[in-house]
Amino acid sequence: MAIQPYLAYTDGNCEAALHFYQSVLGGEVSFMMRFGDSPMAGEFDTEWHDKIMHATYTFDGQQMMACDRPPNMPGPTGFCGFSLSVAYNDIARGEAVFKALGEGGQVTMPFAPTFWAKGFGMLVDRFGVHWMVNCE
């Protein structure tokens, strides 16, 4: 069993976010379907046809999924109540990932040594996703 995050972007930035994560974390977007390419294309305004209906992103043996949530779909707006956490054994790699994820975002706890880790930091990236970077 695995718990996999599924991020629903409410601002139409899913594709940009996944390419950003790919540039920072490595890995690949292994699947991406646009609303306009799905059998349900006729149920969505044409302005949503280029948005992402479902995508799968894989990195370092981990997987997360994501989509652009159309405005007529129920659910919360934005991201709150959770953080994506990545852990590294290499402190230099962890700090580099922290800095890259934070570009254009907001650092909520600067990357620094703590009593539990050689390096730890928290931030909200430019897409509104909360992250924790931990280096034990």
C-alpha atoms as a PDB file:
ATOM      1  CA  MET A   1       0.000   0.000   0.000  1.00  0.00           C
ATOM      2  CA  ALA A   2       1.060   3.563  -0.628  1.00  0.00           C
ATOM      3  CA  ILE A   3      -0.430   6.954   0.138  1.00  0.00           C
ATOM      4  CA  GLN A   4      -0.084   9.200  -2.881  1.00  0.00           C
ATOM      5  CA  PRO A   5      -0.826  12.913  -2.852  1.00  0.00           C
ATOM      6  CA  TYR A   6      -3.312  14.140  -5.459  1.00  0.00           C
ATOM      7  CA  LEU A   7      -3.027  17.894  -5.936  1.00  0.00           C
ATOM      8  CA  ALA A   8      -5.962  19.742  -7.497  1.00  0.00           C
ATOM      9  CA  TYR A   9      -4.858  23.165  -8.726  1.00  0.00           C
ATOM     10  CA  THR A  10      -7.679  25.703  -8.652  1.00  0.00           C
ATOM     11  CA  ASP A  11      -5.844  28.314 -10.720  1.00  0.00           C
ATOM     12  CA  GLY A  12      -5.076  26.281 -13.853  1.00  0.00           C
ATOM     13  CA  ASN A  13      -1.344  25.981 -13.086  1.00  0.00           C
ATOM     14  CA  CYS A  14      -1.072  22.189 -12.842  1.00  0.00           C
ATOM     15  CA  GLU A  15       1.142  21.721 -15.892  1.00  0.00           C
ATOM     16  CA  ALA A  16       3.477  24.571 -14.929  1.00  0.00           C
ATOM     17  CA  ALA A  17       3.730  23.242 -11.373  1.00  0.00           C
ATOM     18  CA  LEU A  18       4.594  19.710 -12.500  1.00  0.00           C
ATOM     19  CA  HIS A  19       7.284  20.967 -14.880  1.00  0.00           C
ATOM     20  CA  PHE A  20       8.683  23.107 -12.045  1.00  0.00           C
ATOM     21  CA  TYR A  21       8.798  20.097  -9.696  1.00  0.00           C
ATOM     22  CA  GLN A  22      10.438  18.061 -12.444  1.00  0.00           C
ATOM     23  CA  SER A  23      13.160  20.724 -12.824  1.00  0.00           C
ATOM     24  CA  VAL A  24      13.766  20.814  -9.054  1.00  0.00           C
ATOM     25  CA  LEU A  25      13.265  17.188  -7.991  1.00  0.00           C
ATOM     26  CA  GLY A  26      14.048  15.349 -11.219  1.00  0.00           C
ATOM     27  CA  GLY A  27      11.831  12.500 -12.329  1.00  0.00           C
ATOM     28  CA  GLU A  28       9.231  12.665 -15.049  1.00  0.00           C
ATOM     29  CA  VAL A  29       5.618  13.394 -15.797  1.00  0.00           C
ATOM     30  CA  SER A  30       4.709   9.863 -16.847  1.00  0.00           C
ATOM     31  CA  PHE A  31       1.088  10.553 -17.821  1.00  0.00           C
ATOM     32  CA  MET A  32      -0.840  13.690 -18.714  1.00  0.00           C
ATOM     33  CA  MET A  33      -4.358  13.951 -20.148  1.00  0.00           C
ATOM     34  CA  ARG A  34      -5.980  17.256 -21.036  1.00  0.00           C
ATOM     35  CA  PHE A  35      -9.703  17.849 -20.652  1.00  0.00           C
ATOM     36  CA  GLY A  36      -9.966  18.331 -24.415  1.00  0.00           C
ATOM     37  CA  ASP A  37      -8.409  14.916 -25.100  1.00  0.00           C
ATOM     38  CA  SER A  38     -10.733  13.005 -22.793  1.00  0.00           C
ATOM     39  CA  PRO A  39     -14.012  11.292 -23.726  1.00  0.00           C
ATOM     40  CA  MET A  40     -15.673  13.943 -21.520  1.00  0.00           C
ATOM     41  CA  ALA A  41     -14.336  16.913 -23.538  1.00  0.00           C
ATOM     42  CA  GLY A  42     -17.843  18.025 -24.530  1.00  0.00           C
ATOM     43  CA  GLU A  43     -18.790  18.480 -20.863  1.00  0.00           C
ATOM     44  CA  PHE A  44     -16.215  21.246 -20.342  1.00  0.00           C
ATOM     45  CA  ASP A  45     -15.920  24.776 -21.705  1.00  0.00           C
ATOM     46  CA  THR A  46     -13.373  24.936 -24.514  1.00  0.00           C
ATOM     47  CA  GLU A  47     -11.245  27.272 -22.357  1.00  0.00           C
ATOM     48  CA  TRP A  48     -10.575  24.213 -20.160  1.00  0.00           C
ATOM     49  CA  HIS A  49      -9.621  21.881 -23.013  1.00  0.00           C
ATOM     50  CA  ASP A  50      -5.896  22.683 -22.636  1.00  0.00           C
ATOM     51  CA  LYS A  51      -5.963  22.243 -18.840  1.00  0.00           C
ATOM     52  CA  ILE A  52      -4.909  19.013 -17.142  1.00  0.00           C
ATOM     53  CA  MET A  53      -7.624  16.485 -16.320  1.00  0.00           C
ATOM     54  CA  HIS A  54      -5.150  14.024 -14.775  1.00  0.00           C
ATOM     55  CA  ALA A  55      -1.364  13.743 -14.543  1.00  0.00           C
ATOM     56  CA  THR A  56       1.060  11.407 -12.826  1.00  0.00           C
ATOM     57  CA  TYR A  57       4.501  12.600 -11.733  1.00  0.00           C
ATOM     58  CA  THR A  58       7.160  10.110 -10.611  1.00  0.00           C
ATOM     59  CA  PHE A  59      10.464  10.939  -8.895  1.00  0.00           C
ATOM     60  CA  ASP A  60      12.904   8.955  -6.739  1.00  0.00           C
ATOM     61  CA  GLY A  61      10.548   5.979  -6.608  1.00  0.00           C
ATOM     62  CA  GLN A  62       7.678   8.190  -5.392  1.00  0.00           C
ATOM     63  CA  GLN A  63       4.523   9.137  -7.238  1.00  0.00           C
ATOM     64  CA  MET A  64       2.016  11.941  -6.982  1.00  0.00           C
ATOM     65  CA  MET A  65      -0.931  12.846  -9.134  1.00  0.00           C
ATOM     66  CA  ALA A  66      -2.401  16.199 -10.034  1.00  0.00           C
ATOM     67  CA  CYS A  67      -5.053  18.007 -12.055  1.00  0.00           C
ATOM     68  CA  ASP A  68      -6.574  21.401 -12.763  1.00  0.00           C
ATOM     69  CA  ARG A  69      -9.895  21.489 -10.951  1.00  0.00           C
ATOM     70  CA  PRO A  70     -12.527  23.284 -13.042  1.00  0.00           C
ATOM     71  CA  PRO A  71     -14.372  26.110 -11.286  1.00  0.00           C
ATOM     72  CA  ASN A  72     -17.693  24.197 -11.402  1.00  0.00           C
ATOM     73  CA  MET A  73     -16.290  21.208  -9.445  1.00  0.00           C
ATOM     74  CA  PRO A  74     -16.963  21.229  -5.695  1.00  0.00           C
ATOM     75  CA  GLY A  75     -14.121  21.328  -3.205  1.00  0.00           C
ATOM     76  CA  PRO A  76     -11.871  23.693  -1.288  1.00  0.00           C
ATOM     77  CA  THR A  77      -9.829  26.385  -2.986  1.00  0.00           C
ATOM     78  CA  GLY A  78      -6.084  26.567  -2.562  1.00  0.00           C
ATOM     79  CA  PHE A  79      -3.920  24.217  -0.519  1.00  0.00           C
ATOM     80  CA  CYS A  80      -4.103  24.071   3.258  1.00  0.00           C
ATOM     81  CA  GLY A  81      -3.920  21.552   6.062  1.00  0.00           C
ATOM     82  CA  PHE A  82      -1.030  19.491   4.686  1.00  0.00           C
ATOM     83  CA  SER A  83       2.570  19.683   3.518  1.00  0.00           C
ATOM     84  CA  LEU A  84       4.501  17.594   1.051  1.00  0.00           C
ATOM     85  CA  SER A  85       7.637  16.373   2.781  1.00  0.00           C
ATOM     86  CA  VAL A  86      10.858  15.296   1.092  1.00  0.00           C
ATOM     87  CA  ALA A  87      13.815  13.792   2.946  1.00  0.00           C
ATOM     88  CA  TYR A  88      17.436  13.600   1.868  1.00  0.00           C
ATOM     89  CA  ASN A  89      20.555  12.029   3.354  1.00  0.00           C
ATOM     90  CA  ASP A  90      22.683  14.629   1.560  1.00  0.00           C
ATOM     91  CA  ILE A  91      22.362  18.031   3.275  1.00  0.00           C
ATOM     92  CA  ALA A  92      23.709  19.920   0.245  1.00  0.00           C
ATOM     93  CA  ARG A  93      21.035  18.323  -1.967  1.00  0.00           C
ATOM     94  CA  GLY A  94      18.329  19.052   0.603  1.00  0.00           C
ATOM     95  CA  GLU A  95      19.340  22.695   0.889  1.00  0.00           C
ATOM     96  CA  ALA A  96      19.490  23.071  -2.914  1.00  0.00           C
ATOM     97  CA  VAL A  97      15.987  21.580  -3.264  1.00  0.00           C
ATOM     98  CA  PHE A  98      14.713  23.878  -0.492  1.00  0.00           C
ATOM     99  CA  LYS A  99      16.122  26.978  -2.210  1.00  0.00           C
ATOM    100  CA  ALA A 100      14.768  25.946  -5.621  1.00  0.00           C
ATOM    101  CA  LEU A 101      11.283  25.122  -4.306  1.00  0.00           C
ATOM    102  CA  GLY A 102      11.232  28.474  -2.487  1.00  0.00           C
ATOM    103  CA  GLU A 103      11.971  30.595  -5.567  1.00  0.00           C
ATOM    104  CA  GLY A 104       8.946  32.815  -6.049  1.00  0.00           C
ATOM    105  CA  GLY A 105       7.296  31.357  -2.954  1.00  0.00           C
ATOM    106  CA  GLN A 106       7.424  32.106   0.761  1.00  0.00           C
ATOM    107  CA  VAL A 107       9.805  30.561   3.283  1.00  0.00           C
ATOM    108  CA  THR A 108       7.936  29.874   6.525  1.00  0.00           C
ATOM    109  CA  MET A 109      10.899  28.327   8.379  1.00  0.00           C
ATOM    110  CA  PRO A 110      14.401  28.896   6.977  1.00  0.00           C
ATOM    111  CA  PHE A 111      16.520  25.824   6.216  1.00  0.00           C
ATOM    112  CA  ALA A 112      18.804  25.264   9.214  1.00  0.00           C
ATOM    113  CA  PRO A 113      20.012  22.593  11.632  1.00  0.00           C
ATOM    114  CA  THR A 114      17.481  21.466  14.233  1.00  0.00           C
ATOM    115  CA  PHE A 115      17.580  19.099  17.189  1.00  0.00           C
ATOM    116  CA  TRP A 116      16.180  16.294  14.987  1.00  0.00           C
ATOM    117  CA  ALA A 117      17.937  16.951  11.683  1.00  0.00           C
ATOM    118  CA  LYS A 118      21.116  18.311  10.129  1.00  0.00           C
ATOM    119  CA  GLY A 119      18.870  20.531   8.024  1.00  0.00           C
ATOM    120  CA  PHE A 120      15.155  21.292   7.959  1.00  0.00           C
ATOM    121  CA  GLY A 121      13.016  24.013   6.418  1.00  0.00           C
ATOM    122  CA  MET A 122       9.415  24.778   5.471  1.00  0.00           C
ATOM    123  CA  LEU A 123       8.013  26.869   2.653  1.00  0.00           C
ATOM    124  CA  VAL A 124       5.043  27.537   0.423  1.00  0.00           C
ATOM    125  CA  ASP A 125       6.026  27.311  -3.239  1.00  0.00           C
ATOM    126  CA  ARG A 126       4.932  29.720  -5.979  1.00  0.00           C
ATOM    127  CA  PHE A 127       1.920  27.474  -6.680  1.00  0.00           C
ATOM    128  CA  GLY A 128       0.655  27.574  -3.078  1.00  0.00           C
ATOM    129  CA  VAL A 129       1.823  24.066  -2.095  1.00  0.00           C
ATOM    130  CA  HIS A 130       3.343  23.682   1.387  1.00  0.00           C
ATOM    131  CA  TRP A 131       6.664  21.789   1.566  1.00  0.00           C
ATOM    132  CA  MET A 132       8.972  20.492   4.276  1.00  0.00           C
ATOM    133  CA  VAL A 133      12.557  19.527   3.409  1.00  0.00           C
ATOM    134  CA  ASN A 134      14.304  17.329   5.974  1.00  0.00           C
ATOM    135  CA  CYS A 135      17.911  16.091   6.083  1.00  0.00           C
ATOM    136  CA  GLU A 136      18.544  13.606   8.880  1.00  0.00           C
END
